[in-house]
Amino acid sequence: MDKISKIAKIVLPIYWAFLTYMLLKPGIENKEYSWLFFPGFDKMVHFLIFGFLAFLFSLSLPKLNRFFFIGIILGYAILTEVLQEEMHLGRSMEALDVVADLLGAFSGFYFSKWLIQKING
């Protein structure tokens, strides 16, 4: 488990920086891949990216208090949504994105706890 934690500690800041960039970059509509997008696609993406963020975060800091963890993820989710609205770069703030972020974060957090338990026996 220690080796996995070390790897997660390296990957986490890189992923978090990339995620911040992707969440705050100007929004563009890509009509070339419009066949791929379906109603709720963006919520699914939010769920998955925050799930992976929480998974890495939890593996990096396995002894972190879950309420502190939730506070950090919730604060980050709200901050990115507010910044999307305030930066006026073609993106907008949506409360359902925060809900999808939190659901993904819970899933990633509890999946990592399950995985740690399975690895440790």
C-alpha atoms as a PDB file:
ATOM      1  CA  MET A   1       0.000   0.000   0.000  1.00  0.00           C
ATOM      2  CA  ASP A   2       2.889   2.345   0.731  1.00  0.00           C
ATOM      3  CA  LYS A   3       4.056   2.161  -2.897  1.00  0.00           C
ATOM      4  CA  ILE A   4       0.556   2.995  -4.181  1.00  0.00           C
ATOM      5  CA  SER A   5       0.367   5.944  -1.789  1.00  0.00           C
ATOM      6  CA  LYS A   6       3.707   7.276  -3.058  1.00  0.00           C
ATOM      7  CA  ILE A   7       2.565   7.020  -6.672  1.00  0.00           C
ATOM      8  CA  ALA A   8      -0.736   8.736  -5.835  1.00  0.00           C
ATOM      9  CA  LYS A   9       1.173  11.561  -4.099  1.00  0.00           C
ATOM     10  CA  ILE A  10       3.064  12.178  -7.352  1.00  0.00           C
ATOM     11  CA  VAL A  11       0.056  11.899  -9.656  1.00  0.00           C
ATOM     12  CA  LEU A  12      -2.381  13.904  -7.478  1.00  0.00           C
ATOM     13  CA  PRO A  13      -0.890  17.413  -7.901  1.00  0.00           C
ATOM     14  CA  ILE A  14      -0.390  16.880 -11.627  1.00  0.00           C
ATOM     15  CA  TYR A  15      -3.969  15.691 -12.077  1.00  0.00           C
ATOM     16  CA  TRP A  16      -5.340  18.464  -9.850  1.00  0.00           C
ATOM     17  CA  ALA A  17      -3.487  21.146 -11.843  1.00  0.00           C
ATOM     18  CA  PHE A  18      -4.693  19.637 -15.132  1.00  0.00           C
ATOM     19  CA  LEU A  19      -8.247  19.400 -13.792  1.00  0.00           C
ATOM     20  CA  THR A  20      -8.207  23.028 -12.678  1.00  0.00           C
ATOM     21  CA  TYR A  21      -7.005  24.095 -16.111  1.00  0.00           C
ATOM     22  CA  MET A  22      -9.697  22.042 -17.856  1.00  0.00           C
ATOM     23  CA  LEU A  23     -12.482  23.314 -15.593  1.00  0.00           C
ATOM     24  CA  LEU A  24     -11.494  26.967 -16.035  1.00  0.00           C
ATOM     25  CA  LYS A  25     -10.411  27.112 -19.676  1.00  0.00           C
ATOM     26  CA  PRO A  26     -12.716  28.906 -22.115  1.00  0.00           C
ATOM     27  CA  GLY A  27     -15.702  26.842 -23.151  1.00  0.00           C
ATOM     28  CA  ILE A  28     -16.065  25.894 -26.799  1.00  0.00           C
ATOM     29  CA  GLU A  29     -18.745  23.936 -28.531  1.00  0.00           C
ATOM     30  CA  ASN A  30     -17.356  21.138 -30.650  1.00  0.00           C
ATOM     31  CA  LYS A  31     -19.891  20.216 -33.289  1.00  0.00           C
ATOM     32  CA  GLU A  32     -17.577  17.612 -34.834  1.00  0.00           C
ATOM     33  CA  TYR A  33     -18.160  15.252 -31.917  1.00  0.00           C
ATOM     34  CA  SER A  34     -21.769  16.225 -31.199  1.00  0.00           C
ATOM     35  CA  TRP A  35     -22.885  12.623 -31.774  1.00  0.00           C
ATOM     36  CA  LEU A  36     -20.962  11.658 -28.635  1.00  0.00           C
ATOM     37  CA  PHE A  37     -22.731  14.071 -26.323  1.00  0.00           C
ATOM     38  CA  PHE A  38     -26.069  13.139 -24.796  1.00  0.00           C
ATOM     39  CA  PRO A  39     -28.216  14.857 -22.166  1.00  0.00           C
ATOM     40  CA  GLY A  40     -26.363  14.650 -18.880  1.00  0.00           C
ATOM     41  CA  PHE A  41     -22.992  13.913 -20.490  1.00  0.00           C
ATOM     42  CA  ASP A  42     -21.340  16.850 -18.709  1.00  0.00           C
ATOM     43  CA  LYS A  43     -22.674  15.640 -15.344  1.00  0.00           C
ATOM     44  CA  MET A  44     -21.226  12.191 -16.002  1.00  0.00           C
ATOM     45  CA  VAL A  45     -17.866  13.795 -16.813  1.00  0.00           C
ATOM     46  CA  HIS A  46     -17.994  15.825 -13.587  1.00  0.00           C
ATOM     47  CA  PHE A  47     -18.818  12.645 -11.649  1.00  0.00           C
ATOM     48  CA  LEU A  48     -15.882  10.761 -13.174  1.00  0.00           C
ATOM     49  CA  ILE A  49     -13.233  13.482 -12.902  1.00  0.00           C
ATOM     50  CA  PHE A  50     -14.088  14.234  -9.277  1.00  0.00           C
ATOM     51  CA  GLY A  51     -14.286  10.532  -8.529  1.00  0.00           C
ATOM     52  CA  PHE A  52     -10.740  10.098  -9.790  1.00  0.00           C
ATOM     53  CA  LEU A  53      -9.603  13.219  -7.902  1.00  0.00           C
ATOM     54  CA  ALA A  54     -11.070  11.870  -4.665  1.00  0.00           C
ATOM     55  CA  PHE A  55      -9.595   8.434  -5.326  1.00  0.00           C
ATOM     56  CA  LEU A  56      -6.085   9.890  -5.734  1.00  0.00           C
ATOM     57  CA  PHE A  57      -6.567  12.244  -2.792  1.00  0.00           C
ATOM     58  CA  SER A  58      -7.677   9.425  -0.513  1.00  0.00           C
ATOM     59  CA  LEU A  59      -4.827   7.150  -1.584  1.00  0.00           C
ATOM     60  CA  SER A  60      -2.322   9.968  -1.066  1.00  0.00           C
ATOM     61  CA  LEU A  61      -3.587  10.790   2.420  1.00  0.00           C
ATOM     62  CA  PRO A  62      -5.267   7.606   3.696  1.00  0.00           C
ATOM     63  CA  LYS A  63      -5.528   8.835   7.296  1.00  0.00           C
ATOM     64  CA  LEU A  64      -7.226  12.115   6.402  1.00  0.00           C
ATOM     65  CA  ASN A  65     -10.451  12.767   8.296  1.00  0.00           C
ATOM     66  CA  ARG A  66     -13.396  12.249   5.921  1.00  0.00           C
ATOM     67  CA  PHE A  67     -15.114  15.484   6.984  1.00  0.00           C
ATOM     68  CA  PHE A  68     -11.971  17.485   6.243  1.00  0.00           C
ATOM     69  CA  PHE A  69     -11.710  15.645   2.935  1.00  0.00           C
ATOM     70  CA  ILE A  70     -15.331  16.453   2.054  1.00  0.00           C
ATOM     71  CA  GLY A  71     -14.746  20.103   2.977  1.00  0.00           C
ATOM     72  CA  ILE A  72     -11.757  20.352   0.657  1.00  0.00           C
ATOM     73  CA  ILE A  73     -13.545  18.702  -2.266  1.00  0.00           C
ATOM     74  CA  LEU A  74     -16.762  20.689  -1.711  1.00  0.00           C
ATOM     75  CA  GLY A  75     -14.809  23.936  -1.481  1.00  0.00           C
ATOM     76  CA  TYR A  76     -12.927  23.117  -4.682  1.00  0.00           C
ATOM     77  CA  ALA A  77     -16.126  22.156  -6.533  1.00  0.00           C
ATOM     78  CA  ILE A  78     -17.909  25.364  -5.502  1.00  0.00           C
ATOM     79  CA  LEU A  79     -14.853  27.531  -6.202  1.00  0.00           C
ATOM     80  CA  THR A  80     -14.429  26.183  -9.735  1.00  0.00           C
ATOM     81  CA  GLU A  81     -18.117  26.730 -10.490  1.00  0.00           C
ATOM     82  CA  VAL A  82     -18.054  30.302  -9.153  1.00  0.00           C
ATOM     83  CA  LEU A  83     -14.876  31.045 -11.122  1.00  0.00           C
ATOM     84  CA  GLN A  84     -16.440  29.648 -14.298  1.00  0.00           C
ATOM     85  CA  GLU A  85     -19.275  32.150 -13.879  1.00  0.00           C
ATOM     86  CA  GLU A  86     -17.104  35.111 -12.901  1.00  0.00           C
ATOM     87  CA  MET A  87     -14.421  34.678 -15.561  1.00  0.00           C
ATOM     88  CA  HIS A  88     -16.949  35.109 -18.428  1.00  0.00           C
ATOM     89  CA  LEU A  89     -15.139  32.682 -20.732  1.00  0.00           C
ATOM     90  CA  GLY A  90     -18.149  30.866 -22.131  1.00  0.00           C
ATOM     91  CA  ARG A  91     -18.783  28.695 -19.101  1.00  0.00           C
ATOM     92  CA  SER A  92     -21.497  29.016 -16.509  1.00  0.00           C
ATOM     93  CA  MET A  93     -22.076  28.051 -12.911  1.00  0.00           C
ATOM     94  CA  GLU A  94     -24.407  25.090 -12.387  1.00  0.00           C
ATOM     95  CA  ALA A  95     -25.487  23.722  -9.031  1.00  0.00           C
ATOM     96  CA  LEU A  96     -26.005  20.265 -10.560  1.00  0.00           C
ATOM     97  CA  ASP A  97     -22.316  20.207 -11.496  1.00  0.00           C
ATOM     98  CA  VAL A  98     -21.462  20.569  -7.809  1.00  0.00           C
ATOM     99  CA  VAL A  99     -23.872  17.743  -6.994  1.00  0.00           C
ATOM    100  CA  ALA A 100     -22.241  15.535  -9.644  1.00  0.00           C
ATOM    101  CA  ASP A 101     -18.806  16.530  -8.301  1.00  0.00           C
ATOM    102  CA  LEU A 102     -19.749  15.525  -4.765  1.00  0.00           C
ATOM    103  CA  LEU A 103     -21.349  12.240  -5.803  1.00  0.00           C
ATOM    104  CA  GLY A 104     -18.240  11.394  -7.799  1.00  0.00           C
ATOM    105  CA  ALA A 105     -16.010  12.400  -4.885  1.00  0.00           C
ATOM    106  CA  PHE A 106     -17.937  10.193  -2.462  1.00  0.00           C
ATOM    107  CA  SER A 107     -17.700   7.294  -4.892  1.00  0.00           C
ATOM    108  CA  GLY A 108     -13.962   7.776  -5.410  1.00  0.00           C
ATOM    109  CA  PHE A 109     -13.352   8.160  -1.680  1.00  0.00           C
ATOM    110  CA  TYR A 110     -15.251   5.030  -0.694  1.00  0.00           C
ATOM    111  CA  PHE A 111     -13.812   3.044  -3.591  1.00  0.00           C
ATOM    112  CA  SER A 112     -10.306   3.902  -2.392  1.00  0.00           C
ATOM    113  CA  LYS A 113     -11.209   2.855   1.159  1.00  0.00           C
ATOM    114  CA  TRP A 114     -12.581  -0.439  -0.176  1.00  0.00           C
ATOM    115  CA  LEU A 115      -9.434  -0.960  -2.251  1.00  0.00           C
ATOM    116  CA  ILE A 116      -7.145  -0.222   0.707  1.00  0.00           C
ATOM    117  CA  GLN A 117      -9.095  -2.729   2.805  1.00  0.00           C
ATOM    118  CA  LYS A 118      -8.815  -5.388   0.087  1.00  0.00           C
ATOM    119  CA  ILE A 119      -5.065  -4.802  -0.331  1.00  0.00           C
ATOM    120  CA  ASN A 120      -4.375  -4.875   3.388  1.00  0.00           C
ATOM    121  CA  GLY A 121      -6.477  -8.000   3.818  1.00  0.00           C
END
